[in-house]
C-alpha atoms as a PDB file:
ATOM      1  CA  UNK A   1     -58.355  -1.222-150.405  1.00  0.00           C
ATOM      2  CA  UNK A   2     -60.421   1.337-148.500  1.00  0.00           C
ATOM      3  CA  UNK A   3     -58.873   3.572-145.857  1.00  0.00           C
ATOM      4  CA  UNK A   4     -60.242   4.063-142.366  1.00  0.00           C
ATOM      5  CA  UNK A   5     -59.243   7.493-141.018  1.00  0.00           C
ATOM      6  CA  UNK A   6     -59.150   6.081-137.476  1.00  0.00           C
ATOM      7  CA  UNK A   7     -57.780   2.528-137.289  1.00  0.00           C
ATOM      8  CA  UNK A   8     -59.659   0.140-134.998  1.00  0.00           C
ATOM      9  CA  UNK A   9     -58.345   0.223-131.396  1.00  0.00           C
ATOM     10  CA  UNK A  10     -56.188   3.307-132.047  1.00  0.00           C
ATOM     11  CA  UNK A  11     -58.534   6.140-131.022  1.00  0.00           C
ATOM     12  CA  UNK A  12     -56.224   7.016-128.110  1.00  0.00           C
ATOM     13  CA  UNK A  13     -53.030   5.023-127.838  1.00  0.00           C
ATOM     14  CA  UNK A  14     -50.422   5.403-125.095  1.00  0.00           C
ATOM     15  CA  UNK A  15     -46.883   5.802-126.423  1.00  0.00           C
ATOM     16  CA  UNK A  16     -44.484   4.856-123.639  1.00  0.00           C
ATOM     17  CA  UNK A  17     -40.902   6.100-123.605  1.00  0.00           C
ATOM     18  CA  UNK A  18     -38.518   3.696-121.878  1.00  0.00           C
ATOM     19  CA  UNK A  19     -34.850   3.823-120.995  1.00  0.00           C
ATOM     20  CA  UNK A  20     -34.541   0.236-122.291  1.00  0.00           C
ATOM     21  CA  UNK A  21     -37.439  -0.527-124.616  1.00  0.00           C
ATOM     22  CA  UNK A  22     -36.223  -4.023-125.545  1.00  0.00           C
ATOM     23  CA  UNK A  23     -36.287  -5.079-121.887  1.00  0.00           C
ATOM     24  CA  UNK A  24     -39.608  -3.289-121.371  1.00  0.00           C
ATOM     25  CA  UNK A  25     -41.152  -5.190-124.301  1.00  0.00           C
ATOM     26  CA  UNK A  26     -40.077  -8.488-122.783  1.00  0.00           C
ATOM     27  CA  UNK A  27     -41.325  -7.434-119.342  1.00  0.00           C
ATOM     28  CA  UNK A  28     -44.785  -6.372-120.608  1.00  0.00           C
ATOM     29  CA  UNK A  29     -45.150  -9.659-122.477  1.00  0.00           C
ATOM     30  CA  UNK A  30     -44.160 -11.710-119.434  1.00  0.00           C
ATOM     31  CA  UNK A  31     -45.909  -9.670-116.717  1.00  0.00           C
ATOM     32  CA  UNK A  32     -49.091  -8.571-118.487  1.00  0.00           C
ATOM     33  CA  UNK A  33     -49.384 -11.314-121.106  1.00  0.00           C
ATOM     34  CA  UNK A  34     -48.914  -8.720-123.857  1.00  0.00           C
ATOM     35  CA  UNK A  35     -48.310  -9.746-127.448  1.00  0.00           C
ATOM     36  CA  UNK A  36     -45.478  -8.042-129.335  1.00  0.00           C
ATOM     37  CA  UNK A  37     -46.790  -6.830-132.683  1.00  0.00           C
ATOM     38  CA  UNK A  38     -43.706  -5.058-134.067  1.00  0.00           C
ATOM     39  CA  UNK A  39     -40.312  -3.780-132.945  1.00  0.00           C
ATOM     40  CA  UNK A  40     -38.292  -1.480-135.222  1.00  0.00           C
ATOM     41  CA  UNK A  41     -34.788  -0.489-134.169  1.00  0.00           C
ATOM     42  CA  UNK A  42     -32.087   1.721-135.633  1.00  0.00           C
ATOM     43  CA  UNK A  43     -28.509   0.773-136.484  1.00  0.00           C
ATOM     44  CA  UNK A  44     -27.496   1.197-132.816  1.00  0.00           C
ATOM     45  CA  UNK A  45     -30.294  -1.209-131.748  1.00  0.00           C
ATOM     46  CA  UNK A  46     -32.308   1.558-130.070  1.00  0.00           C
ATOM     47  CA  UNK A  47     -36.034   0.941-130.470  1.00  0.00           C
ATOM     48  CA  UNK A  48     -37.536   3.628-132.688  1.00  0.00           C
ATOM     49  CA  UNK A  49     -41.036   2.147-132.558  1.00  0.00           C
ATOM     50  CA  UNK A  50     -42.629  -0.920-131.030  1.00  0.00           C
ATOM     51  CA  UNK A  51     -46.169  -2.015-130.404  1.00  0.00           C
ATOM     52  CA  UNK A  52     -47.761  -4.480-128.031  1.00  0.00           C
ATOM     53  CA  UNK A  53     -51.321  -5.586-127.450  1.00  0.00           C
ATOM     54  CA  UNK A  54     -52.832  -6.316-124.081  1.00  0.00           C
ATOM     55  CA  UNK A  55     -56.101  -7.908-125.080  1.00  0.00           C
ATOM     56  CA  UNK A  56     -57.319  -5.584-127.833  1.00  0.00           C
ATOM     57  CA  UNK A  57     -55.577  -2.501-126.406  1.00  0.00           C
ATOM     58  CA  UNK A  58     -52.711  -1.175-128.508  1.00  0.00           C
ATOM     59  CA  UNK A  59     -49.770   0.321-126.618  1.00  0.00           C
ATOM     60  CA  UNK A  60     -46.734   1.737-128.382  1.00  0.00           C
ATOM     61  CA  UNK A  61     -43.265   2.269-126.982  1.00  0.00           C
ATOM     62  CA  UNK A  62     -39.788   3.407-127.906  1.00  0.00           C
ATOM     63  CA  UNK A  63     -36.421   4.053-126.355  1.00  0.00           C
ATOM     64  CA  UNK A  64     -35.815   7.503-124.970  1.00  0.00           C
ATOM     65  CA  UNK A  65     -34.198  10.091-127.214  1.00  0.00           C
ATOM     66  CA  UNK A  66     -33.566  13.030-124.853  1.00  0.00           C
ATOM     67  CA  UNK A  67     -32.153  15.263-127.605  1.00  0.00           C
ATOM     68  CA  UNK A  68     -35.556  15.005-129.332  1.00  0.00           C
ATOM     69  CA  UNK A  69     -37.494  15.578-126.101  1.00  0.00           C
ATOM     70  CA  UNK A  70     -38.455  11.926-125.584  1.00  0.00           C
ATOM     71  CA  UNK A  71     -37.542  11.135-121.982  1.00  0.00           C
ATOM     72  CA  UNK A  72     -38.475   8.155-119.843  1.00  0.00           C
ATOM     73  CA  UNK A  73     -40.070   8.405-116.389  1.00  0.00           C
ATOM     74  CA  UNK A  74     -36.710   7.262-114.990  1.00  0.00           C
ATOM     75  CA  UNK A  75     -35.023  10.300-116.546  1.00  0.00           C
ATOM     76  CA  UNK A  76     -37.644  12.861-115.507  1.00  0.00           C
ATOM     77  CA  UNK A  77     -38.230  11.426-112.035  1.00  0.00           C
ATOM     78  CA  UNK A  78     -41.625   9.769-112.437  1.00  0.00           C
ATOM     79  CA  UNK A  79     -44.728   9.769-114.605  1.00  0.00           C
ATOM     80  CA  UNK A  80     -47.675  12.162-114.565  1.00  0.00           C
ATOM     81  CA  UNK A  81     -49.790   9.690-116.544  1.00  0.00           C
ATOM     82  CA  UNK A  82     -51.304   6.347-115.618  1.00  0.00           C
ATOM     83  CA  UNK A  83     -52.599   3.628-117.918  1.00  0.00           C
ATOM     84  CA  UNK A  84     -55.780   1.718-117.060  1.00  0.00           C
ATOM     85  CA  UNK A  85     -55.902  -1.776-118.538  1.00  0.00           C
ATOM     86  CA  UNK A  86     -58.711  -4.279-118.063  1.00  0.00           C
ATOM     87  CA  UNK A  87     -57.592  -7.899-117.774  1.00  0.00           C
ATOM     88  CA  UNK A  88     -59.442 -11.166-117.205  1.00  0.00           C
ATOM     89  CA  UNK A  89     -57.852 -11.884-113.812  1.00  0.00           C
ATOM     90  CA  UNK A  90     -56.485  -8.782-112.108  1.00  0.00           C
ATOM     91  CA  UNK A  91     -55.270 -10.707-109.059  1.00  0.00           C
ATOM     92  CA  UNK A  92     -53.140 -13.041-111.178  1.00  0.00           C
ATOM     93  CA  UNK A  93     -51.673 -10.358-113.468  1.00  0.00           C
ATOM     94  CA  UNK A  94     -51.013  -7.943-110.588  1.00  0.00           C
ATOM     95  CA  UNK A  95     -49.244 -10.619-108.522  1.00  0.00           C
ATOM     96  CA  UNK A  96     -47.129 -11.667-111.510  1.00  0.00           C
ATOM     97  CA  UNK A  97     -46.124  -8.044-112.205  1.00  0.00           C
ATOM     98  CA  UNK A  98     -45.086  -7.551-108.568  1.00  0.00           C
ATOM     99  CA  UNK A  99     -43.129 -10.813-108.657  1.00  0.00           C
ATOM    100  CA  UNK A 100     -41.321  -9.542-111.773  1.00  0.00           C
ATOM    101  CA  UNK A 101     -40.264  -6.261-110.176  1.00  0.00           C
ATOM    102  CA  UNK A 102     -43.199  -3.847-110.274  1.00  0.00           C
ATOM    103  CA  UNK A 103     -43.881  -1.784-107.141  1.00  0.00           C
ATOM    104  CA  UNK A 104     -47.346  -1.756-105.595  1.00  0.00           C
ATOM    105  CA  UNK A 105     -48.870   1.717-105.257  1.00  0.00           C
ATOM    106  CA  UNK A 106     -52.428   0.745-104.301  1.00  0.00           C
ATOM    107  CA  UNK A 107     -53.343  -2.830-103.401  1.00  0.00           C
ATOM    108  CA  UNK A 108     -56.076  -4.596-105.300  1.00  0.00           C
ATOM    109  CA  UNK A 109     -59.532  -4.055-103.871  1.00  0.00           C
ATOM    110  CA  UNK A 110     -63.158  -3.979-104.947  1.00  0.00           C
ATOM    111  CA  UNK A 111     -64.122  -0.443-105.976  1.00  0.00           C
ATOM    112  CA  UNK A 112     -67.391   1.502-105.875  1.00  0.00           C
ATOM    113  CA  UNK A 113     -67.552   1.562-109.680  1.00  0.00           C
ATOM    114  CA  UNK A 114     -67.851  -2.211-110.066  1.00  0.00           C
ATOM    115  CA  UNK A 115     -64.172  -2.869-110.754  1.00  0.00           C
ATOM    116  CA  UNK A 116     -61.614  -4.849-108.813  1.00  0.00           C
ATOM    117  CA  UNK A 117     -58.491  -2.734-109.238  1.00  0.00           C
ATOM    118  CA  UNK A 118     -54.951  -2.069-108.061  1.00  0.00           C
ATOM    119  CA  UNK A 119     -52.157   0.294-109.048  1.00  0.00           C
ATOM    120  CA  UNK A 120     -48.479  -0.429-109.639  1.00  0.00           C
ATOM    121  CA  UNK A 121     -45.384   1.148-111.143  1.00  0.00           C
ATOM    122  CA  UNK A 122     -43.485  -1.012-113.606  1.00  0.00           C
ATOM    123  CA  UNK A 123     -39.669  -1.281-113.531  1.00  0.00           C
ATOM    124  CA  UNK A 124     -39.504   1.432-116.240  1.00  0.00           C
ATOM    125  CA  UNK A 125     -41.428   4.028-114.210  1.00  0.00           C
ATOM    126  CA  UNK A 126     -44.840   3.771-115.883  1.00  0.00           C
ATOM    127  CA  UNK A 127     -47.954   3.725-113.669  1.00  0.00           C
ATOM    128  CA  UNK A 128     -50.565   1.056-114.382  1.00  0.00           C
ATOM    129  CA  UNK A 129     -54.063   0.621-113.013  1.00  0.00           C
ATOM    130  CA  UNK A 130     -54.968  -3.021-113.581  1.00  0.00           C
ATOM    131  CA  UNK A 131     -58.636  -3.917-113.308  1.00  0.00           C
ATOM    132  CA  UNK A 132     -61.232  -6.602-113.844  1.00  0.00           C
ATOM    133  CA  UNK A 133     -64.860  -5.510-114.248  1.00  0.00           C
ATOM    134  CA  UNK A 134     -66.914  -7.359-111.651  1.00  0.00           C
ATOM    135  CA  UNK A 135     -70.217  -5.540-112.042  1.00  0.00           C
ATOM    136  CA  UNK A 136     -71.784  -3.356-114.728  1.00  0.00           C
ATOM    137  CA  UNK A 137     -73.607  -0.382-113.215  1.00  0.00           C
ATOM    138  CA  UNK A 138     -75.505   2.588-114.630  1.00  0.00           C
ATOM    139  CA  UNK A 139     -74.203   6.159-114.457  1.00  0.00           C
ATOM    140  CA  UNK A 140     -76.914   6.931-111.895  1.00  0.00           C
ATOM    141  CA  UNK A 141     -75.733   4.043-109.702  1.00  0.00           C
ATOM    142  CA  UNK A 142     -72.117   5.153-110.167  1.00  0.00           C
ATOM    143  CA  UNK A 143     -72.974   8.665-108.928  1.00  0.00           C
ATOM    144  CA  UNK A 144     -74.989   7.271-106.020  1.00  0.00           C
ATOM    145  CA  UNK A 145     -72.142   4.994-104.923  1.00  0.00           C
ATOM    146  CA  UNK A 146     -69.580   7.757-105.324  1.00  0.00           C
ATOM    147  CA  UNK A 147     -71.603  10.167-103.188  1.00  0.00           C
ATOM    148  CA  UNK A 148     -72.144   7.489-100.546  1.00  0.00           C
ATOM    149  CA  UNK A 149     -68.414   6.756-100.495  1.00  0.00           C
ATOM    150  CA  UNK A 150     -67.571  10.455-100.161  1.00  0.00           C
ATOM    151  CA  UNK A 151     -70.056  10.891 -97.296  1.00  0.00           C
ATOM    152  CA  UNK A 152     -68.621   7.935 -95.414  1.00  0.00           C
ATOM    153  CA  UNK A 153     -65.098   9.312 -95.792  1.00  0.00           C
ATOM    154  CA  UNK A 154     -63.633   6.161 -97.369  1.00  0.00           C
END
């Protein structure tokens, strides 16, 4: 069997630390339609490693282990990182996540870059940008729209 140095869909993979990874796994599956790929726990039932897929995107997670430096956003008072995930129907997934306890940060709206996007914080403190691509545009068009947006002050 040949080895691929970089596994498909793992070029950059978020590894989320959660205060309660078992609950987080269930929440991501229910709210985002994620598929649980694996969940490995220790003898105290703390999750050492788990993986979900949202579409083709791999996302890993584990329980927090503060003595090893792995602390959840709840423990450190928020997250400095956000995760952008493209979904088929952003309005549906966003509404379901809010219904299941996520907090809206930025409402869904059509964006200059061709996406329909909104931002939320899940019950475990992780920030998610959920989006559906509505229009493919060139880099030149992206720059033009960005500059126009900046000039209009919106």
